Each structure stands twice: as structure tokens, then as C-alpha cells.
Amino acid sequence: MPEGLETITYPVKDLAGTKALFSTLLGVEPYADEAYYVGFRPTGGPEVGLDPNGHAKGLTGPIPYWRVTDIEASLAGLLGAGAEMLRDIQDVGGGKLIASVKDTDGNLIGLVQAPA
């Protein structure tokens, strides 16, 4: 069972333009500003990420990442319920694990597990 929404990641083509737009929308500057990812931590909400490689990874729209304690069990449960694997479990740095699936309508669902 998810513990809450942690991050929403948007695939973007114009990283600089979208970064300016989200800085204005969220009222904060990015805490991470790299060529491969721009991340914002707005007050009172989940992290918002911009992924300039998202479209190449098969993302067709924003993907919400739900915080879970056991990503393997959560992923297996979603696949067993009819989800389609989009990205298998991977370590994105420091032991933080992510995975993503598509539901039966093609909506994207992400999972994230904090480092142990």
C-alpha cells in the first residue's frame, strides 16, 4: 500500500522553458538543476521533476511516483492486477529505487522506495 505521493515527473522537450514556467507556477527555484533532471520541492506538495529524456523512455505524460516500503511486492501486485511493465526496478542513486507501469487504460504509475 502506498504511503503517499512523493514525486510527479513531467517529460519535457524544452527544459529551459519548462523550468522557467514551473519556477513561476510553484514560486520556488529548482533544488536540482542538471541537464538530465530538474527538480522542485514546493511547500506543501510533492516534488515536481522535469525529465528531458522522458519521451525517449516512453513517457506520454506526467507520471506520479507513489512512496512504498517494499517496491518489489508493490510492483508484483500491480503486474498481477493487470498492469504492464514500463520500467523495471532501478537504483537512481544512493539506494533510491524506482519502477513504473501502465495501468489497463495506459495511465502511468510510478513507485519509489527510499534508501534502506
PDB file of N, CA and C in Angstrom:
ATOM      1  N   MET A   1       0.845  -1.174   0.000  1.00  0.00           N
ATOM      2  CA  MET A   1       0.000   0.000   0.000  1.00  0.00           C
ATOM      3  C   MET A   1       0.896   1.246   0.000  1.00  0.00           C
ATOM      4  N   PRO A   2       0.575   2.222  -0.851  1.00  0.00           N
ATOM      5  CA  PRO A   2       1.423   3.420  -0.900  1.00  0.00           C
ATOM      6  C   PRO A   2       1.299   4.259   0.365  1.00  0.00           C
ATOM      7  N   GLU A   3       2.381   4.944   0.678  1.00  0.00           N
ATOM      8  CA  GLU A   3       2.420   5.818   1.853  1.00  0.00           C
ATOM      9  C   GLU A   3       2.084   7.258   1.494  1.00  0.00           C
ATOM     10  N   GLY A   4       2.033   7.566   0.218  1.00  0.00           N
ATOM     11  CA  GLY A   4       1.705   8.911  -0.227  1.00  0.00           C
ATOM     12  C   GLY A   4       2.386   9.215  -1.544  1.00  0.00           C
ATOM     13  N   LEU A   5       1.975  10.299  -2.136  1.00  0.00           N
ATOM     14  CA  LEU A   5       2.555  10.738  -3.401  1.00  0.00           C
ATOM     15  C   LEU A   5       3.858  11.461  -3.110  1.00  0.00           C
ATOM     16  N   GLU A   6       4.953  11.005  -3.723  1.00  0.00           N
ATOM     17  CA  GLU A   6       6.261  11.606  -3.460  1.00  0.00           C
ATOM     18  C   GLU A   6       6.699  12.578  -4.550  1.00  0.00           C
ATOM     19  N   THR A   7       6.539  12.188  -5.809  1.00  0.00           N
ATOM     20  CA  THR A   7       7.060  12.977  -6.920  1.00  0.00           C
ATOM     21  C   THR A   7       6.132  12.867  -8.118  1.00  0.00           C
ATOM     22  N   ILE A   8       6.005  13.949  -8.860  1.00  0.00           N
ATOM     23  CA  ILE A   8       5.354  13.929 -10.162  1.00  0.00           C
ATOM     24  C   ILE A   8       6.413  14.374 -11.167  1.00  0.00           C
ATOM     25  N   THR A   9       6.693  13.519 -12.148  1.00  0.00           N
ATOM     26  CA  THR A   9       7.717  13.824 -13.143  1.00  0.00           C
ATOM     27  C   THR A   9       7.060  14.051 -14.498  1.00  0.00           C
ATOM     28  N   TYR A  10       7.438  15.149 -15.137  1.00  0.00           N
ATOM     29  CA  TYR A  10       6.923  15.503 -16.455  1.00  0.00           C
ATOM     30  C   TYR A  10       7.996  15.276 -17.510  1.00  0.00           C
ATOM     31  N   PRO A  11       7.663  14.592 -18.609  1.00  0.00           N
ATOM     32  CA  PRO A  11       8.606  14.531 -19.727  1.00  0.00           C
ATOM     33  C   PRO A  11       8.546  15.877 -20.452  1.00  0.00           C
ATOM     34  N   VAL A  12       9.697  16.444 -20.763  1.00  0.00           N
ATOM     35  CA  VAL A  12       9.719  17.773 -21.405  1.00  0.00           C
ATOM     36  C   VAL A  12      10.685  17.776 -22.581  1.00  0.00           C
ATOM     37  N   LYS A  13      10.367  18.597 -23.561  1.00  0.00           N
ATOM     38  CA  LYS A  13      11.255  18.782 -24.710  1.00  0.00           C
ATOM     39  C   LYS A  13      12.070  20.057 -24.567  1.00  0.00           C
ATOM     40  N   ASP A  14      11.468  21.092 -23.993  1.00  0.00           N
ATOM     41  CA  ASP A  14      12.132  22.383 -23.804  1.00  0.00           C
ATOM     42  C   ASP A  14      12.419  22.555 -22.313  1.00  0.00           C
ATOM     43  N   LEU A  15      13.565  22.037 -21.870  1.00  0.00           N
ATOM     44  CA  LEU A  15      13.889  22.043 -20.443  1.00  0.00           C
ATOM     45  C   LEU A  15      13.974  23.459 -19.885  1.00  0.00           C
ATOM     46  N   ALA A  16      14.651  24.356 -20.575  1.00  0.00           N
ATOM     47  CA  ALA A  16      14.816  25.733 -20.073  1.00  0.00           C
ATOM     48  C   ALA A  16      13.468  26.448 -19.970  1.00  0.00           C
ATOM     49  N   GLY A  17      12.659  26.327 -20.996  1.00  0.00           N
ATOM     50  CA  GLY A  17      11.360  26.992 -20.990  1.00  0.00           C
ATOM     51  C   GLY A  17      10.429  26.430 -19.939  1.00  0.00           C
ATOM     52  N   THR A  18      10.415  25.113 -19.813  1.00  0.00           N
ATOM     53  CA  THR A  18       9.549  24.474 -18.830  1.00  0.00           C
ATOM     54  C   THR A  18      10.035  24.756 -17.414  1.00  0.00           C
ATOM     55  N   LYS A  19      11.349  24.832 -17.236  1.00  0.00           N
ATOM     56  CA  LYS A  19      11.910  25.166 -15.923  1.00  0.00           C
ATOM     57  C   LYS A  19      11.435  26.557 -15.488  1.00  0.00           C
ATOM     58  N   ALA A  20      11.461  27.521 -16.392  1.00  0.00           N
ATOM     59  CA  ALA A  20      11.000  28.873 -16.078  1.00  0.00           C
ATOM     60  C   ALA A  20       9.509  28.869 -15.737  1.00  0.00           C
ATOM     61  N   LEU A  21       8.730  28.110 -16.492  1.00  0.00           N
ATOM     62  CA  LEU A  21       7.300  28.029 -16.249  1.00  0.00           C
ATOM     63  C   LEU A  21       7.004  27.453 -14.869  1.00  0.00           C
ATOM     64  N   PHE A  22       7.665  26.337 -14.516  1.00  0.00           N
ATOM     65  CA  PHE A  22       7.404  25.713 -13.213  1.00  0.00           C
ATOM     66  C   PHE A  22       7.973  26.540 -12.061  1.00  0.00           C
ATOM     67  N   SER A  23       9.055  27.267 -12.275  1.00  0.00           N
ATOM     68  CA  SER A  23       9.559  28.179 -11.236  1.00  0.00           C
ATOM     69  C   SER A  23       8.498  29.218 -10.903  1.00  0.00           C
ATOM     70  N   THR A  24       7.846  29.729 -11.945  1.00  0.00           N
ATOM     71  CA  THR A  24       6.781  30.716 -11.753  1.00  0.00           C
ATOM     72  C   THR A  24       5.564  30.079 -11.096  1.00  0.00           C
ATOM     73  N   LEU A  25       5.139  28.943 -11.607  1.00  0.00           N
ATOM     74  CA  LEU A  25       3.959  28.264 -11.071  1.00  0.00           C
ATOM     75  C   LEU A  25       4.128  27.902  -9.600  1.00  0.00           C
ATOM     76  N   LEU A  26       5.274  27.308  -9.254  1.00  0.00           N
ATOM     77  CA  LEU A  26       5.481  26.805  -7.898  1.00  0.00           C
ATOM     78  C   LEU A  26       6.034  27.847  -6.933  1.00  0.00           C
ATOM     79  N   GLY A  27       6.566  28.941  -7.462  1.00  0.00           N
ATOM     80  CA  GLY A  27       7.099  30.002  -6.613  1.00  0.00           C
ATOM     81  C   GLY A  27       8.410  29.655  -5.944  1.00  0.00           C
ATOM     82  N   VAL A  28       9.135  28.668  -6.497  1.00  0.00           N
ATOM     83  CA  VAL A  28      10.445  28.274  -5.958  1.00  0.00           C
ATOM     84  C   VAL A  28      11.396  27.999  -7.115  1.00  0.00           C
ATOM     85  N   GLU A  29      12.674  28.123  -6.824  1.00  0.00           N
ATOM     86  CA  GLU A  29      13.707  27.750  -7.791  1.00  0.00           C
ATOM     87  C   GLU A  29      14.005  26.263  -7.623  1.00  0.00           C
ATOM     88  N   PRO A  30      14.525  25.631  -8.649  1.00  0.00           N
ATOM     89  CA  PRO A  30      14.824  24.200  -8.528  1.00  0.00           C
ATOM     90  C   PRO A  30      15.931  23.931  -7.512  1.00  0.00           C
ATOM     91  N   TYR A  31      15.798  22.824  -6.787  1.00  0.00           N
ATOM     92  CA  TYR A  31      16.863  22.390  -5.876  1.00  0.00           C
ATOM     93  C   TYR A  31      17.887  21.556  -6.648  1.00  0.00           C
ATOM     94  N   ALA A  32      17.445  20.926  -7.737  1.00  0.00           N
ATOM     95  CA  ALA A  32      18.332  20.162  -8.621  1.00  0.00           C
ATOM     96  C   ALA A  32      18.162  20.745 -10.015  1.00  0.00           C
ATOM     97  N   ASP A  33      19.263  21.083 -10.657  1.00  0.00           N
ATOM     98  CA  ASP A  33      19.198  21.715 -11.973  1.00  0.00           C
ATOM     99  C   ASP A  33      20.317  21.152 -12.838  1.00  0.00           C
ATOM    100  N   GLU A  34      20.036  19.982 -13.407  1.00  0.00           N
ATOM    101  CA  GLU A  34      21.014  19.272 -14.228  1.00  0.00           C
ATOM    102  C   GLU A  34      20.450  19.088 -15.634  1.00  0.00           C
ATOM    103  N   ALA A  35      21.314  18.750 -16.572  1.00  0.00           N
ATOM    104  CA  ALA A  35      20.882  18.531 -17.952  1.00  0.00           C
ATOM    105  C   ALA A  35      19.936  17.340 -18.068  1.00  0.00           C
ATOM    106  N   TYR A  36      19.983  16.403 -17.116  1.00  0.00           N
ATOM    107  CA  TYR A  36      19.168  15.192 -17.170  1.00  0.00           C
ATOM    108  C   TYR A  36      17.949  15.241 -16.251  1.00  0.00           C
ATOM    109  N   TYR A  37      17.840  16.261 -15.366  1.00  0.00           N
ATOM    110  CA  TYR A  37      16.717  16.344 -14.438  1.00  0.00           C
ATOM    111  C   TYR A  37      16.717  17.700 -13.758  1.00  0.00           C
ATOM    112  N   VAL A  38      15.537  18.290 -13.658  1.00  0.00           N
ATOM    113  CA  VAL A  38      15.340  19.500 -12.872  1.00  0.00           C
ATOM    114  C   VAL A  38      14.255  19.176 -11.850  1.00  0.00           C
ATOM    115  N   GLY A  39      14.556  19.420 -10.566  1.00  0.00           N
ATOM    116  CA  GLY A  39      13.613  19.083  -9.506  1.00  0.00           C
ATOM    117  C   GLY A  39      13.260  20.271  -8.638  1.00  0.00           C
ATOM    118  N   PHE A  40      11.981  20.352  -8.299  1.00  0.00           N
ATOM    119  CA  PHE A  40      11.461  21.411  -7.423  1.00  0.00           C
ATOM    120  C   PHE A  40      10.851  20.771  -6.187  1.00  0.00           C
ATOM    121  N   ARG A  41      10.989  21.447  -5.056  1.00  0.00           N
ATOM    122  CA  ARG A  41      10.345  20.998  -3.817  1.00  0.00           C
ATOM    123  C   ARG A  41       9.441  22.126  -3.309  1.00  0.00           C
ATOM    124  N   PRO A  42       8.226  22.203  -3.843  1.00  0.00           N
ATOM    125  CA  PRO A  42       7.312  23.253  -3.389  1.00  0.00           C
ATOM    126  C   PRO A  42       6.800  22.973  -1.982  1.00  0.00           C
ATOM    127  N   THR A  43       6.482  24.012  -1.263  1.00  0.00           N
ATOM    128  CA  THR A  43       5.933  23.873   0.079  1.00  0.00           C
ATOM    129  C   THR A  43       4.557  23.228   0.000  1.00  0.00           C
ATOM    130  N   GLY A  44       4.352  22.195   0.802  1.00  0.00           N
ATOM    131  CA  GLY A  44       3.038  21.582   0.907  1.00  0.00           C
ATOM    132  C   GLY A  44       2.658  20.634  -0.217  1.00  0.00           C
ATOM    133  N   GLY A  45       3.607  20.237  -1.036  1.00  0.00           N
ATOM    134  CA  GLY A  45       3.253  19.335  -2.124  1.00  0.00           C
ATOM    135  C   GLY A  45       4.374  18.368  -2.424  1.00  0.00           C
ATOM    136  N   PRO A  46       4.116  17.455  -3.341  1.00  0.00           N
ATOM    137  CA  PRO A  46       5.164  16.516  -3.727  1.00  0.00           C
ATOM    138  C   PRO A  46       6.234  17.205  -4.564  1.00  0.00           C
ATOM    139  N   GLU A  47       7.382  16.558  -4.685  1.00  0.00           N
ATOM    140  CA  GLU A  47       8.433  17.045  -5.573  1.00  0.00           C
ATOM    141  C   GLU A  47       7.897  17.051  -7.000  1.00  0.00           C
ATOM    142  N   VAL A  48       8.310  18.042  -7.775  1.00  0.00           N
ATOM    143  CA  VAL A  48       7.966  18.107  -9.193  1.00  0.00           C
ATOM    144  C   VAL A  48       9.265  17.997  -9.968  1.00  0.00           C
ATOM    145  N   GLY A  49       9.328  17.018 -10.878  1.00  0.00           N
ATOM    146  CA  GLY A  49      10.527  16.800 -11.664  1.00  0.00           C
ATOM    147  C   GLY A  49      10.270  17.016 -13.143  1.00  0.00           C
ATOM    148  N   LEU A  50      11.294  17.505 -13.828  1.00  0.00           N
ATOM    149  CA  LEU A  50      11.254  17.678 -15.280  1.00  0.00           C
ATOM    150  C   LEU A  50      12.314  16.765 -15.875  1.00  0.00           C
ATOM    151  N   ASP A  51      11.899  15.894 -16.781  1.00  0.00           N
ATOM    152  CA  ASP A  51      12.797  14.900 -17.366  1.00  0.00           C
ATOM    153  C   ASP A  51      12.912  15.127 -18.874  1.00  0.00           C
ATOM    154  N   PRO A  52      14.037  15.691 -19.347  1.00  0.00           N
ATOM    155  CA  PRO A  52      14.182  15.949 -20.775  1.00  0.00           C
ATOM    156  C   PRO A  52      14.359  14.673 -21.601  1.00  0.00           C
ATOM    157  N   ASN A  53      14.544  13.542 -20.948  1.00  0.00           N
ATOM    158  CA  ASN A  53      14.662  12.260 -21.645  1.00  0.00           C
ATOM    159  C   ASN A  53      13.400  11.414 -21.496  1.00  0.00           C
ATOM    160  N   GLY A  54      12.376  11.989 -20.895  1.00  0.00           N
ATOM    161  CA  GLY A  54      11.159  11.240 -20.601  1.00  0.00           C
ATOM    162  C   GLY A  54      10.460  10.672 -21.823  1.00  0.00           C
ATOM    163  N   HIS A  55      10.352  11.461 -22.883  1.00  0.00           N
ATOM    164  CA  HIS A  55       9.676  10.965 -24.084  1.00  0.00           C
ATOM    165  C   HIS A  55      10.429   9.782 -24.673  1.00  0.00           C
ATOM    166  N   ALA A  56      11.755   9.828 -24.657  1.00  0.00           N
ATOM    167  CA  ALA A  56      12.568   8.719 -25.180  1.00  0.00           C
ATOM    168  C   ALA A  56      12.412   7.461 -24.326  1.00  0.00           C
ATOM    169  N   LYS A  57      12.020   7.639 -23.049  1.00  0.00           N
ATOM    170  CA  LYS A  57      11.796   6.500 -22.150  1.00  0.00           C
ATOM    171  C   LYS A  57      10.377   5.950 -22.258  1.00  0.00           C
ATOM    172  N   GLY A  58       9.582   6.525 -23.139  1.00  0.00           N
ATOM    173  CA  GLY A  58       8.217   6.039 -23.325  1.00  0.00           C
ATOM    174  C   GLY A  58       7.165   6.781 -22.537  1.00  0.00           C
ATOM    175  N   LEU A  59       7.532   7.869 -21.859  1.00  0.00           N
ATOM    176  CA  LEU A  59       6.539   8.629 -21.107  1.00  0.00           C
ATOM    177  C   LEU A  59       5.697   9.459 -22.068  1.00  0.00           C
ATOM    178  N   THR A  60       4.392   9.387 -21.909  1.00  0.00           N
ATOM    179  CA  THR A  60       3.477  10.138 -22.764  1.00  0.00           C
ATOM    180  C   THR A  60       2.832  11.294 -22.011  1.00  0.00           C
ATOM    181  N   GLY A  61       3.108  11.394 -20.736  1.00  0.00           N
ATOM    182  CA  GLY A  61       2.551  12.442 -19.898  1.00  0.00           C
ATOM    183  C   GLY A  61       3.181  12.355 -18.527  1.00  0.00           C
ATOM    184  N   PRO A  62       2.694  13.169 -17.591  1.00  0.00           N
ATOM    185  CA  PRO A  62       3.258  13.145 -16.239  1.00  0.00           C
ATOM    186  C   PRO A  62       3.104  11.765 -15.605  1.00  0.00           C
ATOM    187  N   ILE A  63       4.049  11.434 -14.741  1.00  0.00           N
ATOM    188  CA  ILE A  63       3.982  10.171 -14.014  1.00  0.00           C
ATOM    189  C   ILE A  63       4.084  10.438 -12.519  1.00  0.00           C
ATOM    190  N   PRO A  64       3.046  10.045 -11.767  1.00  0.00           N
ATOM    191  CA  PRO A  64       3.115  10.192 -10.311  1.00  0.00           C
ATOM    192  C   PRO A  64       3.879   9.008  -9.718  1.00  0.00           C
ATOM    193  N   TYR A  65       4.790   9.304  -8.810  1.00  0.00           N
ATOM    194  CA  TYR A  65       5.549   8.259  -8.114  1.00  0.00           C
ATOM    195  C   TYR A  65       5.024   8.141  -6.689  1.00  0.00           C
ATOM    196  N   TRP A  66       4.487   6.969  -6.380  1.00  0.00           N
ATOM    197  CA  TRP A  66       3.940   6.691  -5.054  1.00  0.00           C
ATOM    198  C   TRP A  66       5.011   6.065  -4.182  1.00  0.00           C
ATOM    199  N   ARG A  67       5.150   6.578  -2.958  1.00  0.00           N
ATOM    200  CA  ARG A  67       6.137   6.095  -1.985  1.00  0.00           C
ATOM    201  C   ARG A  67       5.644   4.770  -1.398  1.00  0.00           C
ATOM    202  N   VAL A  68       6.494   3.742  -1.487  1.00  0.00           N
ATOM    203  CA  VAL A  68       6.164   2.419  -0.949  1.00  0.00           C
ATOM    204  C   VAL A  68       7.333   1.927  -0.092  1.00  0.00           C
ATOM    205  N   THR A  69       7.050   0.982   0.801  1.00  0.00           N
ATOM    206  CA  THR A  69       8.108   0.429   1.645  1.00  0.00           C
ATOM    207  C   THR A  69       8.741  -0.810   1.027  1.00  0.00           C
ATOM    208  N   ASP A  70       8.004  -1.503   0.151  1.00  0.00           N
ATOM    209  CA  ASP A  70       8.521  -2.714  -0.491  1.00  0.00           C
ATOM    210  C   ASP A  70       8.204  -2.633  -1.977  1.00  0.00           C
ATOM    211  N   ILE A  71       9.135  -2.093  -2.746  1.00  0.00           N
ATOM    212  CA  ILE A  71       8.890  -1.857  -4.168  1.00  0.00           C
ATOM    213  C   ILE A  71       8.700  -3.162  -4.937  1.00  0.00           C
ATOM    214  N   GLU A  72       9.417  -4.217  -4.551  1.00  0.00           N
ATOM    215  CA  GLU A  72       9.268  -5.498  -5.253  1.00  0.00           C
ATOM    216  C   GLU A  72       7.864  -6.048  -5.087  1.00  0.00           C
ATOM    217  N   ALA A  73       7.346  -6.051  -3.869  1.00  0.00           N
ATOM    218  CA  ALA A  73       5.997  -6.559  -3.614  1.00  0.00           C
ATOM    219  C   ALA A  73       4.950  -5.663  -4.275  1.00  0.00           C
ATOM    220  N   SER A  74       5.140  -4.359  -4.206  1.00  0.00           N
ATOM    221  CA  SER A  74       4.181  -3.432  -4.817  1.00  0.00           C
ATOM    222  C   SER A  74       4.145  -3.608  -6.328  1.00  0.00           C
ATOM    223  N   LEU A  75       5.310  -3.738  -6.948  1.00  0.00           N
ATOM    224  CA  LEU A  75       5.383  -3.923  -8.393  1.00  0.00           C
ATOM    225  C   LEU A  75       4.736  -5.252  -8.792  1.00  0.00           C
ATOM    226  N   ALA A  76       5.039  -6.305  -8.059  1.00  0.00           N
ATOM    227  CA  ALA A  76       4.446  -7.610  -8.346  1.00  0.00           C
ATOM    228  C   ALA A  76       2.926  -7.558  -8.226  1.00  0.00           C
ATOM    229  N   GLY A  77       2.434  -6.852  -7.227  1.00  0.00           N
ATOM    230  CA  GLY A  77       0.991  -6.724  -7.049  1.00  0.00           C
ATOM    231  C   GLY A  77       0.327  -6.004  -8.213  1.00  0.00           C
ATOM    232  N   LEU A  78       0.959  -4.917  -8.684  1.00  0.00           N
ATOM    233  CA  LEU A  78       0.397  -4.181  -9.820  1.00  0.00           C
ATOM    234  C   LEU A  78       0.413  -5.021 -11.088  1.00  0.00           C
ATOM    235  N   LEU A  79       1.519  -5.718 -11.324  1.00  0.00           N
ATOM    236  CA  LEU A  79       1.605  -6.574 -12.510  1.00  0.00           C
ATOM    237  C   LEU A  79       0.571  -7.694 -12.442  1.00  0.00           C
ATOM    238  N   GLY A  80       0.372  -8.254 -11.254  1.00  0.00           N
ATOM    239  CA  GLY A  80      -0.627  -9.296 -11.061  1.00  0.00           C
ATOM    240  C   GLY A  80      -2.052  -8.801 -11.263  1.00  0.00           C
ATOM    241  N   ALA A  81      -2.256  -7.511 -11.055  1.00  0.00           N
ATOM    242  CA  ALA A  81      -3.581  -6.920 -11.224  1.00  0.00           C
ATOM    243  C   ALA A  81      -3.816  -6.443 -12.660  1.00  0.00           C
ATOM    244  N   GLY A  82      -2.854  -6.676 -13.548  1.00  0.00           N
ATOM    245  CA  GLY A  82      -3.060  -6.351 -14.956  1.00  0.00           C
ATOM    246  C   GLY A  82      -2.238  -5.201 -15.501  1.00  0.00           C
ATOM    247  N   ALA A  83      -1.380  -4.607 -14.677  1.00  0.00           N
ATOM    248  CA  ALA A  83      -0.534  -3.516 -15.172  1.00  0.00           C
ATOM    249  C   ALA A  83       0.518  -4.067 -16.131  1.00  0.00           C
ATOM    250  N   GLU A  84       1.016  -3.182 -16.991  1.00  0.00           N
ATOM    251  CA  GLU A  84       2.075  -3.528 -17.948  1.00  0.00           C
ATOM    252  C   GLU A  84       3.371  -2.843 -17.511  1.00  0.00           C
ATOM    253  N   MET A  85       4.459  -3.593 -17.484  1.00  0.00           N
ATOM    254  CA  MET A  85       5.757  -3.044 -17.080  1.00  0.00           C
ATOM    255  C   MET A  85       6.188  -1.946 -18.052  1.00  0.00           C
ATOM    256  N   LEU A  86       6.541  -0.804 -17.504  1.00  0.00           N
ATOM    257  CA  LEU A  86       7.128   0.267 -18.304  1.00  0.00           C
ATOM    258  C   LEU A  86       8.631   0.302 -18.051  1.00  0.00           C
ATOM    259  N   ARG A  87       9.031   0.409 -16.766  1.00  0.00           N
ATOM    260  CA  ARG A  87      10.443   0.383 -16.378  1.00  0.00           C
ATOM    261  C   ARG A  87      10.568  -0.470 -15.129  1.00  0.00           C
ATOM    262  N   ASP A  88      11.426  -1.473 -15.201  1.00  0.00           N
ATOM    263  CA  ASP A  88      11.655  -2.360 -14.062  1.00  0.00           C
ATOM    264  C   ASP A  88      12.390  -1.590 -12.962  1.00  0.00           C
ATOM    265  N   ILE A  89      12.507  -2.179 -11.813  1.00  0.00           N
ATOM    266  CA  ILE A  89      13.147  -1.544 -10.659  1.00  0.00           C
ATOM    267  C   ILE A  89      14.583  -1.163 -11.007  1.00  0.00           C
ATOM    268  N   GLN A  90      14.926   0.080 -10.683  1.00  0.00           N
ATOM    269  CA  GLN A  90      16.300   0.542 -10.882  1.00  0.00           C
ATOM    270  C   GLN A  90      16.694   1.485  -9.759  1.00  0.00           C
ATOM    271  N   ASP A  91      17.965   1.484  -9.447  1.00  0.00           N
ATOM    272  CA  ASP A  91      18.533   2.380  -8.444  1.00  0.00           C
ATOM    273  C   ASP A  91      18.899   3.679  -9.156  1.00  0.00           C
ATOM    274  N   VAL A  92      18.323   4.787  -8.714  1.00  0.00           N
ATOM    275  CA  VAL A  92      18.596   6.079  -9.350  1.00  0.00           C
ATOM    276  C   VAL A  92      19.605   6.901  -8.555  1.00  0.00           C
ATOM    277  N   GLY A  93      20.271   6.247  -7.616  1.00  0.00           N
ATOM    278  CA  GLY A  93      21.316   6.907  -6.849  1.00  0.00           C
ATOM    279  C   GLY A  93      21.078   6.813  -5.358  1.00  0.00           C
ATOM    280  N   GLY A  94      22.115   6.433  -4.645  1.00  0.00           N
ATOM    281  CA  GLY A  94      22.057   6.398  -3.194  1.00  0.00           C
ATOM    282  C   GLY A  94      21.117   5.357  -2.629  1.00  0.00           C
ATOM    283  N   GLY A  95      20.751   4.364  -3.415  1.00  0.00           N
ATOM    284  CA  GLY A  95      19.845   3.335  -2.933  1.00  0.00           C
ATOM    285  C   GLY A  95      18.377   3.632  -3.142  1.00  0.00           C
ATOM    286  N   LYS A  96      18.041   4.785  -3.722  1.00  0.00           N
ATOM    287  CA  LYS A  96      16.646   5.119  -4.024  1.00  0.00           C
ATOM    288  C   LYS A  96      16.221   4.302  -5.239  1.00  0.00           C
ATOM    289  N   LEU A  97      15.123   3.544  -5.082  1.00  0.00           N
ATOM    290  CA  LEU A  97      14.650   2.658  -6.140  1.00  0.00           C
ATOM    291  C   LEU A  97      13.369   3.192  -6.756  1.00  0.00           C
ATOM    292  N   ILE A  98      13.260   3.091  -8.086  1.00  0.00           N
ATOM    293  CA  ILE A  98      12.036   3.463  -8.773  1.00  0.00           C
ATOM    294  C   ILE A  98      11.659   2.373  -9.764  1.00  0.00           C
ATOM    295  N   ALA A  99      10.391   2.346 -10.118  1.00  0.00           N
ATOM    296  CA  ALA A  99       9.861   1.470 -11.157  1.00  0.00           C
ATOM    297  C   ALA A  99       8.584   2.130 -11.664  1.00  0.00           C
ATOM    298  N   SER A 100       8.121   1.724 -12.854  1.00  0.00           N
ATOM    299  CA  SER A 100       6.879   2.297 -13.363  1.00  0.00           C
ATOM    300  C   SER A 100       6.150   1.292 -14.236  1.00  0.00           C
ATOM    301  N   VAL A 101       4.824   1.450 -14.267  1.00  0.00           N
ATOM    302  CA  VAL A 101       3.945   0.584 -15.036  1.00  0.00           C
ATOM    303  C   VAL A 101       2.892   1.449 -15.727  1.00  0.00           C
ATOM    304  N   LYS A 102       2.161   0.809 -16.644  1.00  0.00           N
ATOM    305  CA  LYS A 102       0.972   1.401 -17.241  1.00  0.00           C
ATOM    306  C   LYS A 102      -0.216   0.597 -16.745  1.00  0.00           C
ATOM    307  N   ASP A 103      -1.286   1.297 -16.369  1.00  0.00           N
ATOM    308  CA  ASP A 103      -2.483   0.562 -15.967  1.00  0.00           C
ATOM    309  C   ASP A 103      -3.226   0.093 -17.215  1.00  0.00           C
ATOM    310  N   THR A 104      -4.369  -0.536 -17.035  1.00  0.00           N
ATOM    311  CA  THR A 104      -5.096  -1.115 -18.163  1.00  0.00           C
ATOM    312  C   THR A 104      -5.652  -0.074 -19.128  1.00  0.00           C
ATOM    313  N   ASP A 105      -5.651   1.203 -18.734  1.00  0.00           N
ATOM    314  CA  ASP A 105      -6.071   2.289 -19.622  1.00  0.00           C
ATOM    315  C   ASP A 105      -4.881   3.063 -20.184  1.00  0.00           C
ATOM    316  N   GLY A 106      -3.655   2.628 -19.865  1.00  0.00           N
ATOM    317  CA  GLY A 106      -2.465   3.305 -20.370  1.00  0.00           C
ATOM    318  C   GLY A 106      -1.957   4.431 -19.489  1.00  0.00           C
ATOM    319  N   ASN A 107      -2.590   4.638 -18.318  1.00  0.00           N
ATOM    320  CA  ASN A 107      -2.111   5.664 -17.388  1.00  0.00           C
ATOM    321  C   ASN A 107      -0.819   5.197 -16.728  1.00  0.00           C
ATOM    322  N   LEU A 108       0.053   6.143 -16.466  1.00  0.00           N
ATOM    323  CA  LEU A 108       1.350   5.827 -15.883  1.00  0.00           C
ATOM    324  C   LEU A 108       1.291   5.856 -14.360  1.00  0.00           C
ATOM    325  N   ILE A 109       1.940   4.868 -13.744  1.00  0.00           N
ATOM    326  CA  ILE A 109       2.010   4.769 -12.286  1.00  0.00           C
ATOM    327  C   ILE A 109       3.471   4.482 -11.933  1.00  0.00           C
ATOM    328  N   GLY A 110       4.049   5.317 -11.093  1.00  0.00           N
ATOM    329  CA  GLY A 110       5.409   5.113 -10.641  1.00  0.00           C
ATOM    330  C   GLY A 110       5.444   4.701  -9.179  1.00  0.00           C
ATOM    331  N   LEU A 111       6.485   3.970  -8.827  1.00  0.00           N
ATOM    332  CA  LEU A 111       6.729   3.561  -7.452  1.00  0.00           C
ATOM    333  C   LEU A 111       8.110   4.047  -7.058  1.00  0.00           C
ATOM    334  N   VAL A 112       8.266   4.460  -5.810  1.00  0.00           N
ATOM    335  CA  VAL A 112       9.571   4.876  -5.314  1.00  0.00           C
ATOM    336  C   VAL A 112       9.742   4.334  -3.905  1.00  0.00           C
ATOM    337  N   GLN A 113      10.924   3.775  -3.653  1.00  0.00           N
ATOM    338  CA  GLN A 113      11.278   3.268  -2.327  1.00  0.00           C
ATOM    339  C   GLN A 113      12.516   4.004  -1.858  1.00  0.00           C
ATOM    340  N   ALA A 114      12.452   4.566  -0.669  1.00  0.00           N
ATOM    341  CA  ALA A 114      13.584   5.297  -0.098  1.00  0.00           C
ATOM    342  C   ALA A 114      14.742   4.344   0.185  1.00  0.00           C
ATOM    343  N   PRO A 115      15.951   4.862   0.206  1.00  0.00           N
ATOM    344  CA  PRO A 115      17.113   4.026   0.547  1.00  0.00           C
ATOM    345  C   PRO A 115      16.938   3.405   1.926  1.00  0.00           C
ATOM    346  N   ALA A 116      17.475   2.203   2.081  1.00  0.00           N
ATOM    347  CA  ALA A 116      17.358   1.493   3.362  1.00  0.00           C
ATOM    348  C   ALA A 116      18.138   2.192   4.434  1.00  0.00           C
TER     349      ALA A 116
END
